[in-house]
Amino acid sequence: MNILLCCCAGMSTSLLVSKMKRSAAEQKLDHTIWAVPIDAVSREITKADVLLLGPQVRYMFNEFKELGDKKGVPVTVIDTVQYGKMNGHEVLRTAEQLYNDK
């Protein structure tokens, strides 16, 4: 599965991506996980199976949801608590659930 994360500049989310990759590796899951800033989502979404938005860009949800609907890519906002904890395992589970529910 290809998991795209969106944030403002990519700094805090890059740490979350690392933790998600570690969790996927521990579970022997073959996922590609990467983060981009807001202005890169429109070109990166075509490579993604799901799009997760950092809580700091939740105001973009409606716009990215519309884009995701056009591309067949489900979109959600990462839980603020899990994001704050940098809980890669739980955020990975969120992405998998989103993918499985589409």
PDB file of N, CA and C in Angstrom:
ATOM      1  N   MET A   1       0.846  -1.169   0.000  1.00  0.00           N
ATOM      2  CA  MET A   1       0.000   0.000   0.000  1.00  0.00           C
ATOM      3  C   MET A   1       0.897   1.240   0.000  1.00  0.00           C
ATOM      4  N   ASN A   2       0.452   2.274  -0.681  1.00  0.00           N
ATOM      5  CA  ASN A   2       1.159   3.544  -0.749  1.00  0.00           C
ATOM      6  C   ASN A   2       0.421   4.569   0.101  1.00  0.00           C
ATOM      7  N   ILE A   3       1.094   5.043   1.151  1.00  0.00           N
ATOM      8  CA  ILE A   3       0.479   5.937   2.130  1.00  0.00           C
ATOM      9  C   ILE A   3       1.144   7.306   2.037  1.00  0.00           C
ATOM     10  N   LEU A   4       0.355   8.295   1.666  1.00  0.00           N
ATOM     11  CA  LEU A   4       0.838   9.663   1.546  1.00  0.00           C
ATOM     12  C   LEU A   4       0.354  10.481   2.739  1.00  0.00           C
ATOM     13  N   LEU A   5       1.272  11.191   3.367  1.00  0.00           N
ATOM     14  CA  LEU A   5       0.927  12.090   4.458  1.00  0.00           C
ATOM     15  C   LEU A   5       1.162  13.520   3.989  1.00  0.00           C
ATOM     16  N   CYS A   6       0.311  14.406   4.437  1.00  0.00           N
ATOM     17  CA  CYS A   6       0.428  15.821   4.094  1.00  0.00           C
ATOM     18  C   CYS A   6       0.545  16.640   5.364  1.00  0.00           C
ATOM     19  N   CYS A   7       1.462  17.614   5.331  1.00  0.00           N
ATOM     20  CA  CYS A   7       1.621  18.519   6.466  1.00  0.00           C
ATOM     21  C   CYS A   7       2.017  19.886   5.937  1.00  0.00           C
ATOM     22  N   CYS A   8       2.314  20.787   6.832  1.00  0.00           N
ATOM     23  CA  CYS A   8       2.683  22.146   6.404  1.00  0.00           C
ATOM     24  C   CYS A   8       4.026  22.154   5.683  1.00  0.00           C
ATOM     25  N   ALA A   9       5.064  21.758   6.385  1.00  0.00           N
ATOM     26  CA  ALA A   9       6.405  21.833   5.798  1.00  0.00           C
ATOM     27  C   ALA A   9       7.116  20.490   5.740  1.00  0.00           C
ATOM     28  N   GLY A  10       6.620  19.499   6.466  1.00  0.00           N
ATOM     29  CA  GLY A  10       7.207  18.174   6.387  1.00  0.00           C
ATOM     30  C   GLY A  10       8.130  17.785   7.516  1.00  0.00           C
ATOM     31  N   MET A  11       8.401  18.683   8.450  1.00  0.00           N
ATOM     32  CA  MET A  11       9.377  18.361   9.488  1.00  0.00           C
ATOM     33  C   MET A  11       8.831  17.363  10.519  1.00  0.00           C
ATOM     34  N   SER A  12       7.753  17.711  11.212  1.00  0.00           N
ATOM     35  CA  SER A  12       7.240  16.812  12.247  1.00  0.00           C
ATOM     36  C   SER A  12       6.679  15.539  11.621  1.00  0.00           C
ATOM     37  N   THR A  13       6.096  15.655  10.462  1.00  0.00           N
ATOM     38  CA  THR A  13       5.506  14.482   9.830  1.00  0.00           C
ATOM     39  C   THR A  13       6.580  13.511   9.367  1.00  0.00           C
ATOM     40  N   SER A  14       7.785  13.989   9.043  1.00  0.00           N
ATOM     41  CA  SER A  14       8.844  13.078   8.631  1.00  0.00           C
ATOM     42  C   SER A  14       9.219  12.127   9.774  1.00  0.00           C
ATOM     43  N   LEU A  15       9.141  12.597  11.011  1.00  0.00           N
ATOM     44  CA  LEU A  15       9.385  11.720  12.163  1.00  0.00           C
ATOM     45  C   LEU A  15       8.287  10.668  12.253  1.00  0.00           C
ATOM     46  N   LEU A  16       7.048  11.070  12.043  1.00  0.00           N
ATOM     47  CA  LEU A  16       5.936  10.119  12.061  1.00  0.00           C
ATOM     48  C   LEU A  16       6.088   9.088  10.945  1.00  0.00           C
ATOM     49  N   VAL A  17       6.501   9.531   9.766  1.00  0.00           N
ATOM     50  CA  VAL A  17       6.727   8.601   8.649  1.00  0.00           C
ATOM     51  C   VAL A  17       7.762   7.547   9.051  1.00  0.00           C
ATOM     52  N   SER A  18       8.839   7.969   9.687  1.00  0.00           N
ATOM     53  CA  SER A  18       9.875   7.021  10.129  1.00  0.00           C
ATOM     54  C   SER A  18       9.302   5.986  11.091  1.00  0.00           C
ATOM     55  N   LYS A  19       8.483   6.442  12.012  1.00  0.00           N
ATOM     56  CA  LYS A  19       7.884   5.514  12.975  1.00  0.00           C
ATOM     57  C   LYS A  19       6.878   4.583  12.297  1.00  0.00           C
ATOM     58  N   MET A  20       6.138   5.091  11.313  1.00  0.00           N
ATOM     59  CA  MET A  20       5.206   4.238  10.574  1.00  0.00           C
ATOM     60  C   MET A  20       5.967   3.187   9.772  1.00  0.00           C
ATOM     61  N   LYS A  21       7.067   3.582   9.150  1.00  0.00           N
ATOM     62  CA  LYS A  21       7.892   2.633   8.385  1.00  0.00           C
ATOM     63  C   LYS A  21       8.451   1.548   9.303  1.00  0.00           C
ATOM     64  N   ARG A  22       8.892   1.952  10.495  1.00  0.00           N
ATOM     65  CA  ARG A  22       9.423   0.986  11.453  1.00  0.00           C
ATOM     66  C   ARG A  22       8.334  -0.013  11.854  1.00  0.00           C
ATOM     67  N   SER A  23       7.129   0.484  12.116  1.00  0.00           N
ATOM     68  CA  SER A  23       6.026  -0.390  12.487  1.00  0.00           C
ATOM     69  C   SER A  23       5.680  -1.347  11.344  1.00  0.00           C
ATOM     70  N   ALA A  24       5.655  -0.833  10.122  1.00  0.00           N
ATOM     71  CA  ALA A  24       5.365  -1.690   8.962  1.00  0.00           C
ATOM     72  C   ALA A  24       6.428  -2.771   8.813  1.00  0.00           C
ATOM     73  N   ALA A  25       7.697  -2.419   8.987  1.00  0.00           N
ATOM     74  CA  ALA A  25       8.786  -3.393   8.868  1.00  0.00           C
ATOM     75  C   ALA A  25       8.677  -4.474   9.942  1.00  0.00           C
ATOM     76  N   GLU A  26       8.349  -4.058  11.159  1.00  0.00           N
ATOM     77  CA  GLU A  26       8.197  -5.023  12.253  1.00  0.00           C
ATOM     78  C   GLU A  26       7.077  -6.016  11.962  1.00  0.00           C
ATOM     79  N   GLN A  27       6.058  -5.566  11.236  1.00  0.00           N
ATOM     80  CA  GLN A  27       4.922  -6.423  10.894  1.00  0.00           C
ATOM     81  C   GLN A  27       5.105  -7.116   9.542  1.00  0.00           C
ATOM     82  N   LYS A  28       6.281  -6.880   8.922  1.00  0.00           N
ATOM     83  CA  LYS A  28       6.596  -7.453   7.614  1.00  0.00           C
ATOM     84  C   LYS A  28       5.571  -7.035   6.550  1.00  0.00           C
ATOM     85  N   LEU A  29       5.170  -5.761   6.602  1.00  0.00           N
ATOM     86  CA  LEU A  29       4.229  -5.192   5.646  1.00  0.00           C
ATOM     87  C   LEU A  29       5.000  -4.403   4.599  1.00  0.00           C
ATOM     88  N   ASP A  30       4.618  -4.565   3.361  1.00  0.00           N
ATOM     89  CA  ASP A  30       5.302  -3.901   2.258  1.00  0.00           C
ATOM     90  C   ASP A  30       4.556  -2.623   1.879  1.00  0.00           C
ATOM     91  N   HIS A  31       4.757  -1.571   2.669  1.00  0.00           N
ATOM     92  CA  HIS A  31       4.094  -0.291   2.418  1.00  0.00           C
ATOM     93  C   HIS A  31       5.139   0.749   2.014  1.00  0.00           C
ATOM     94  N   THR A  32       4.737   1.635   1.139  1.00  0.00           N
ATOM     95  CA  THR A  32       5.536   2.814   0.826  1.00  0.00           C
ATOM     96  C   THR A  32       4.859   3.989   1.531  1.00  0.00           C
ATOM     97  N   ILE A  33       5.622   4.697   2.342  1.00  0.00           N
ATOM     98  CA  ILE A  33       5.064   5.771   3.168  1.00  0.00           C
ATOM     99  C   ILE A  33       5.941   7.004   2.993  1.00  0.00           C
ATOM    100  N   TRP A  34       5.304   8.122   2.644  1.00  0.00           N
ATOM    101  CA  TRP A  34       6.058   9.356   2.485  1.00  0.00           C
ATOM    102  C   TRP A  34       5.190  10.559   2.815  1.00  0.00           C
ATOM    103  N   ALA A  35       5.860  11.687   3.087  1.00  0.00           N
ATOM    104  CA  ALA A  35       5.160  12.919   3.454  1.00  0.00           C
ATOM    105  C   ALA A  35       5.561  14.040   2.506  1.00  0.00           C
ATOM    106  N   VAL A  36       4.599  14.898   2.215  1.00  0.00           N
ATOM    107  CA  VAL A  36       4.847  16.056   1.357  1.00  0.00           C
ATOM    108  C   VAL A  36       4.141  17.274   1.947  1.00  0.00           C
ATOM    109  N   PRO A  37       4.601  18.475   1.582  1.00  0.00           N
ATOM    110  CA  PRO A  37       3.875  19.677   1.992  1.00  0.00           C
ATOM    111  C   PRO A  37       2.592  19.843   1.172  1.00  0.00           C
ATOM    112  N   ILE A  38       1.744  20.742   1.598  1.00  0.00           N
ATOM    113  CA  ILE A  38       0.440  20.955   0.967  1.00  0.00           C
ATOM    114  C   ILE A  38       0.540  21.128  -0.543  1.00  0.00           C
ATOM    115  N   ASP A  39       1.489  21.930  -0.994  1.00  0.00           N
ATOM    116  CA  ASP A  39       1.550  22.261  -2.417  1.00  0.00           C
ATOM    117  C   ASP A  39       1.981  21.099  -3.308  1.00  0.00           C
ATOM    118  N   ALA A  40       2.426  19.991  -2.723  1.00  0.00           N
ATOM    119  CA  ALA A  40       2.843  18.832  -3.519  1.00  0.00           C
ATOM    120  C   ALA A  40       1.772  17.744  -3.602  1.00  0.00           C
ATOM    121  N   VAL A  41       0.716  17.861  -2.825  1.00  0.00           N
ATOM    122  CA  VAL A  41      -0.296  16.791  -2.771  1.00  0.00           C
ATOM    123  C   VAL A  41      -0.928  16.532  -4.130  1.00  0.00           C
ATOM    124  N   SER A  42      -1.239  17.571  -4.870  1.00  0.00           N
ATOM    125  CA  SER A  42      -1.953  17.376  -6.136  1.00  0.00           C
ATOM    126  C   SER A  42      -1.149  16.546  -7.131  1.00  0.00           C
ATOM    127  N   ARG A  43       0.160  16.597  -7.093  1.00  0.00           N
ATOM    128  CA  ARG A  43       0.953  15.768  -8.009  1.00  0.00           C
ATOM    129  C   ARG A  43       1.328  14.406  -7.413  1.00  0.00           C
ATOM    130  N   GLU A  44       1.338  14.307  -6.095  1.00  0.00           N
ATOM    131  CA  GLU A  44       1.725  13.054  -5.438  1.00  0.00           C
ATOM    132  C   GLU A  44       0.547  12.106  -5.219  1.00  0.00           C
ATOM    133  N   ILE A  45      -0.661  12.619  -5.191  1.00  0.00           N
ATOM    134  CA  ILE A  45      -1.823  11.796  -4.849  1.00  0.00           C
ATOM    135  C   ILE A  45      -2.043  10.663  -5.851  1.00  0.00           C
ATOM    136  N   THR A  46      -1.601  10.844  -7.080  1.00  0.00           N
ATOM    137  CA  THR A  46      -1.794   9.788  -8.088  1.00  0.00           C
ATOM    138  C   THR A  46      -0.970   8.534  -7.763  1.00  0.00           C
ATOM    139  N   LYS A  47       0.033   8.665  -6.910  1.00  0.00           N
ATOM    140  CA  LYS A  47       0.872   7.523  -6.509  1.00  0.00           C
ATOM    141  C   LYS A  47       0.367   6.856  -5.232  1.00  0.00           C
ATOM    142  N   ALA A  48      -0.664   7.465  -4.603  1.00  0.00           N
ATOM    143  CA  ALA A  48      -1.086   7.038  -3.271  1.00  0.00           C
ATOM    144  C   ALA A  48      -2.336   6.161  -3.308  1.00  0.00           C
ATOM    145  N   ASP A  49      -2.437   5.296  -2.303  1.00  0.00           N
ATOM    146  CA  ASP A  49      -3.653   4.517  -2.071  1.00  0.00           C
ATOM    147  C   ASP A  49      -4.523   5.185  -1.013  1.00  0.00           C
ATOM    148  N   VAL A  50      -3.892   5.926  -0.100  1.00  0.00           N
ATOM    149  CA  VAL A  50      -4.604   6.708   0.919  1.00  0.00           C
ATOM    150  C   VAL A  50      -3.830   7.996   1.171  1.00  0.00           C
ATOM    151  N   LEU A  51      -4.555   9.019   1.618  1.00  0.00           N
ATOM    152  CA  LEU A  51      -3.949  10.294   1.981  1.00  0.00           C
ATOM    153  C   LEU A  51      -4.339  10.616   3.414  1.00  0.00           C
ATOM    154  N   LEU A  52      -3.324  10.817   4.253  1.00  0.00           N
ATOM    155  CA  LEU A  52      -3.535  11.195   5.646  1.00  0.00           C
ATOM    156  C   LEU A  52      -3.063  12.632   5.832  1.00  0.00           C
ATOM    157  N   LEU A  53      -3.914  13.444   6.419  1.00  0.00           N
ATOM    158  CA  LEU A  53      -3.571  14.844   6.666  1.00  0.00           C
ATOM    159  C   LEU A  53      -3.143  15.029   8.116  1.00  0.00           C
ATOM    160  N   GLY A  54      -2.042  15.736   8.312  1.00  0.00           N
ATOM    161  CA  GLY A  54      -1.639  16.103   9.662  1.00  0.00           C
ATOM    162  C   GLY A  54      -2.677  17.035  10.262  1.00  0.00           C
ATOM    163  N   PRO A  55      -2.861  16.985  11.575  1.00  0.00           N
ATOM    164  CA  PRO A  55      -3.875  17.834  12.217  1.00  0.00           C
ATOM    165  C   PRO A  55      -3.697  19.320  11.907  1.00  0.00           C
ATOM    166  N   GLN A  56      -2.460  19.750  11.679  1.00  0.00           N
ATOM    167  CA  GLN A  56      -2.200  21.163  11.420  1.00  0.00           C
ATOM    168  C   GLN A  56      -2.708  21.627  10.051  1.00  0.00           C
ATOM    169  N   VAL A  57      -3.082  20.685   9.170  1.00  0.00           N
ATOM    170  CA  VAL A  57      -3.629  21.052   7.854  1.00  0.00           C
ATOM    171  C   VAL A  57      -5.064  20.549   7.678  1.00  0.00           C
ATOM    172  N   ARG A  58      -5.728  20.284   8.791  1.00  0.00           N
ATOM    173  CA  ARG A  58      -7.112  19.792   8.717  1.00  0.00           C
ATOM    174  C   ARG A  58      -8.023  20.766   7.983  1.00  0.00           C
ATOM    175  N   TYR A  59      -7.651  22.044   7.960  1.00  0.00           N
ATOM    176  CA  TYR A  59      -8.458  23.038   7.250  1.00  0.00           C
ATOM    177  C   TYR A  59      -8.495  22.782   5.741  1.00  0.00           C
ATOM    178  N   MET A  60      -7.590  21.944   5.235  1.00  0.00           N
ATOM    179  CA  MET A  60      -7.552  21.589   3.808  1.00  0.00           C
ATOM    180  C   MET A  60      -8.370  20.332   3.504  1.00  0.00           C
ATOM    181  N   PHE A  61      -9.002  19.753   4.531  1.00  0.00           N
ATOM    182  CA  PHE A  61      -9.676  18.467   4.352  1.00  0.00           C
ATOM    183  C   PHE A  61     -10.670  18.480   3.191  1.00  0.00           C
ATOM    184  N   ASN A  62     -11.571  19.438   3.153  1.00  0.00           N
ATOM    185  CA  ASN A  62     -12.607  19.426   2.109  1.00  0.00           C
ATOM    186  C   ASN A  62     -12.004  19.471   0.711  1.00  0.00           C
ATOM    187  N   GLU A  63     -10.989  20.293   0.525  1.00  0.00           N
ATOM    188  CA  GLU A  63     -10.338  20.394  -0.788  1.00  0.00           C
ATOM    189  C   GLU A  63      -9.653  19.083  -1.160  1.00  0.00           C
ATOM    190  N   PHE A  64      -8.919  18.492  -0.211  1.00  0.00           N
ATOM    191  CA  PHE A  64      -8.219  17.248  -0.515  1.00  0.00           C
ATOM    192  C   PHE A  64      -9.170  16.057  -0.602  1.00  0.00           C
ATOM    193  N   LYS A  65     -10.268  16.103   0.138  1.00  0.00           N
ATOM    194  CA  LYS A  65     -11.288  15.049   0.032  1.00  0.00           C
ATOM    195  C   LYS A  65     -11.883  15.045  -1.372  1.00  0.00           C
ATOM    196  N   GLU A  66     -12.161  16.227  -1.897  1.00  0.00           N
ATOM    197  CA  GLU A  66     -12.688  16.342  -3.254  1.00  0.00           C
ATOM    198  C   GLU A  66     -11.679  15.809  -4.272  1.00  0.00           C
ATOM    199  N   LEU A  67     -10.420  16.173  -4.112  1.00  0.00           N
ATOM    200  CA  LEU A  67      -9.365  15.670  -4.993  1.00  0.00           C
ATOM    201  C   LEU A  67      -9.240  14.162  -4.862  1.00  0.00           C
ATOM    202  N   GLY A  68      -9.252  13.655  -3.636  1.00  0.00           N
ATOM    203  CA  GLY A  68      -9.157  12.216  -3.405  1.00  0.00           C
ATOM    204  C   GLY A  68     -10.322  11.472  -4.026  1.00  0.00           C
ATOM    205  N   ASP A  69     -11.523  12.022  -3.921  1.00  0.00           N
ATOM    206  CA  ASP A  69     -12.696  11.382  -4.529  1.00  0.00           C
ATOM    207  C   ASP A  69     -12.524  11.267  -6.038  1.00  0.00           C
ATOM    208  N   LYS A  70     -11.977  12.289  -6.663  1.00  0.00           N
ATOM    209  CA  LYS A  70     -11.755  12.259  -8.117  1.00  0.00           C
ATOM    210  C   LYS A  70     -10.722  11.211  -8.510  1.00  0.00           C
ATOM    211  N   LYS A  71      -9.736  11.003  -7.647  1.00  0.00           N
ATOM    212  CA  LYS A  71      -8.635  10.072  -7.935  1.00  0.00           C
ATOM    213  C   LYS A  71      -8.867   8.678  -7.357  1.00  0.00           C
ATOM    214  N   GLY A  72      -9.955   8.500  -6.600  1.00  0.00           N
ATOM    215  CA  GLY A  72     -10.207   7.212  -5.968  1.00  0.00           C
ATOM    216  C   GLY A  72      -9.310   6.945  -4.773  1.00  0.00           C
ATOM    217  N   VAL A  73      -8.892   8.006  -4.098  1.00  0.00           N
ATOM    218  CA  VAL A  73      -7.991   7.896  -2.952  1.00  0.00           C
ATOM    219  C   VAL A  73      -8.719   8.410  -1.705  1.00  0.00           C
ATOM    220  N   PRO A  74      -8.962   7.538  -0.721  1.00  0.00           N
ATOM    221  CA  PRO A  74      -9.612   7.998   0.506  1.00  0.00           C
ATOM    222  C   PRO A  74      -8.704   8.929   1.303  1.00  0.00           C
ATOM    223  N   VAL A  75      -9.334   9.879   1.990  1.00  0.00           N
ATOM    224  CA  VAL A  75      -8.605  10.914   2.731  1.00  0.00           C
ATOM    225  C   VAL A  75      -9.175  11.014   4.140  1.00  0.00           C
ATOM    226  N   THR A  76      -8.294  11.178   5.124  1.00  0.00           N
ATOM    227  CA  THR A  76      -8.733  11.450   6.493  1.00  0.00           C
ATOM    228  C   THR A  76      -7.684  12.304   7.192  1.00  0.00           C
ATOM    229  N   VAL A  77      -8.074  12.837   8.339  1.00  0.00           N
ATOM    230  CA  VAL A  77      -7.160  13.614   9.183  1.00  0.00           C
ATOM    231  C   VAL A  77      -6.631  12.682  10.277  1.00  0.00           C
ATOM    232  N   ILE A  78      -5.341  12.720  10.497  1.00  0.00           N
ATOM    233  CA  ILE A  78      -4.719  11.911  11.546  1.00  0.00           C
ATOM    234  C   ILE A  78      -5.216  12.389  12.910  1.00  0.00           C
ATOM    235  N   ASP A  79      -5.563  11.447  13.767  1.00  0.00           N
ATOM    236  CA  ASP A  79      -5.998  11.759  15.120  1.00  0.00           C
ATOM    237  C   ASP A  79      -4.943  12.619  15.824  1.00  0.00           C
ATOM    238  N   THR A  80      -5.392  13.708  16.412  1.00  0.00           N
ATOM    239  CA  THR A  80      -4.485  14.667  17.047  1.00  0.00           C
ATOM    240  C   THR A  80      -3.650  14.031  18.148  1.00  0.00           C
ATOM    241  N   VAL A  81      -4.257  13.186  18.957  1.00  0.00           N
ATOM    242  CA  VAL A  81      -3.530  12.538  20.054  1.00  0.00           C
ATOM    243  C   VAL A  81      -2.452  11.602  19.505  1.00  0.00           C
ATOM    244  N   GLN A  82      -2.814  10.785  18.513  1.00  0.00           N
ATOM    245  CA  GLN A  82      -1.837   9.853  17.941  1.00  0.00           C
ATOM    246  C   GLN A  82      -0.711  10.607  17.233  1.00  0.00           C
ATOM    247  N   TYR A  83      -1.071  11.709  16.578  1.00  0.00           N
ATOM    248  CA  TYR A  83      -0.056  12.540  15.928  1.00  0.00           C
ATOM    249  C   TYR A  83       0.878  13.138  16.978  1.00  0.00           C
ATOM    250  N   GLY A  84       0.306  13.669  18.038  1.00  0.00           N
ATOM    251  CA  GLY A  84       1.104  14.264  19.103  1.00  0.00           C
ATOM    252  C   GLY A  84       2.045  13.274  19.765  1.00  0.00           C
ATOM    253  N   LYS A  85       1.593  12.043  19.892  1.00  0.00           N
ATOM    254  CA  LYS A  85       2.418  10.980  20.478  1.00  0.00           C
ATOM    255  C   LYS A  85       3.411  10.406  19.469  1.00  0.00           C
ATOM    256  N   MET A  86       3.254  10.797  18.189  1.00  0.00           N
ATOM    257  CA  MET A  86       4.064  10.221  17.102  1.00  0.00           C
ATOM    258  C   MET A  86       3.925   8.700  17.125  1.00  0.00           C
ATOM    259  N   ASN A  87       2.682   8.241  17.265  1.00  0.00           N
ATOM    260  CA  ASN A  87       2.386   6.813  17.365  1.00  0.00           C
ATOM    261  C   ASN A  87       2.270   6.219  15.960  1.00  0.00           C
ATOM    262  N   GLY A  88       3.405   5.821  15.408  1.00  0.00           N
ATOM    263  CA  GLY A  88       3.453   5.277  14.056  1.00  0.00           C
ATOM    264  C   GLY A  88       2.585   4.055  13.872  1.00  0.00           C
ATOM    265  N   HIS A  89       2.519   3.209  14.891  1.00  0.00           N
ATOM    266  CA  HIS A  89       1.724   1.986  14.799  1.00  0.00           C
ATOM    267  C   HIS A  89       0.240   2.301  14.619  1.00  0.00           C
ATOM    268  N   GLU A  90      -0.285   3.203  15.445  1.00  0.00           N
ATOM    269  CA  GLU A  90      -1.715   3.534  15.365  1.00  0.00           C
ATOM    270  C   GLU A  90      -2.058   4.294  14.088  1.00  0.00           C
ATOM    271  N   VAL A  91      -1.188   5.184  13.659  1.00  0.00           N
ATOM    272  CA  VAL A  91      -1.448   5.929  12.428  1.00  0.00           C
ATOM    273  C   VAL A  91      -1.385   4.978  11.228  1.00  0.00           C
ATOM    274  N   LEU A  92      -0.492   4.013  11.280  1.00  0.00           N
ATOM    275  CA  LEU A  92      -0.442   2.988  10.231  1.00  0.00           C
ATOM    276  C   LEU A  92      -1.752   2.196  10.207  1.00  0.00           C
ATOM    277  N   ARG A  93      -2.255   1.852  11.379  1.00  0.00           N
ATOM    278  CA  ARG A  93      -3.546   1.146  11.445  1.00  0.00           C
ATOM    279  C   ARG A  93      -4.671   1.990  10.866  1.00  0.00           C
ATOM    280  N   THR A  94      -4.629   3.290  11.114  1.00  0.00           N
ATOM    281  CA  THR A  94      -5.627   4.202  10.544  1.00  0.00           C
ATOM    282  C   THR A  94      -5.581   4.144   9.021  1.00  0.00           C
ATOM    283  N   ALA A  95      -4.383   4.184   8.456  1.00  0.00           N
ATOM    284  CA  ALA A  95      -4.224   4.132   6.998  1.00  0.00           C
ATOM    285  C   ALA A  95      -4.754   2.810   6.439  1.00  0.00           C
ATOM    286  N   GLU A  96      -4.430   1.714   7.119  1.00  0.00           N
ATOM    287  CA  GLU A  96      -4.894   0.400   6.647  1.00  0.00           C
ATOM    288  C   GLU A  96      -6.410   0.296   6.710  1.00  0.00           C
ATOM    289  N   GLN A  97      -7.004   0.801   7.774  1.00  0.00           N
ATOM    290  CA  GLN A  97      -8.454   0.778   7.914  1.00  0.00           C
ATOM    291  C   GLN A  97      -9.111   1.619   6.820  1.00  0.00           C
ATOM    292  N   LEU A  98      -8.565   2.787   6.575  1.00  0.00           N
ATOM    293  CA  LEU A  98      -9.075   3.667   5.522  1.00  0.00           C
ATOM    294  C   LEU A  98      -9.027   2.973   4.165  1.00  0.00           C
ATOM    295  N   TYR A  99      -7.929   2.302   3.897  1.00  0.00           N
ATOM    296  CA  TYR A  99      -7.746   1.574   2.635  1.00  0.00           C
ATOM    297  C   TYR A  99      -8.736   0.421   2.530  1.00  0.00           C
ATOM    298  N   ASN A 100      -8.895  -0.322   3.602  1.00  0.00           N
ATOM    299  CA  ASN A 100      -9.791  -1.482   3.585  1.00  0.00           C
ATOM    300  C   ASN A 100     -11.266  -1.096   3.500  1.00  0.00           C
ATOM    301  N   ASP A 101     -11.597   0.100   3.962  1.00  0.00           N
ATOM    302  CA  ASP A 101     -12.994   0.559   3.947  1.00  0.00           C
ATOM    303  C   ASP A 101     -13.403   1.209   2.638  1.00  0.00           C
ATOM    304  N   LYS A 102     -12.449   1.429   1.741  1.00  0.00           N
ATOM    305  CA  LYS A 102     -12.815   2.158   0.506  1.00  0.00           C
ATOM    306  C   LYS A 102     -13.617   1.325  -0.459  1.00  0.00           C
TER     307      LYS A 102
END
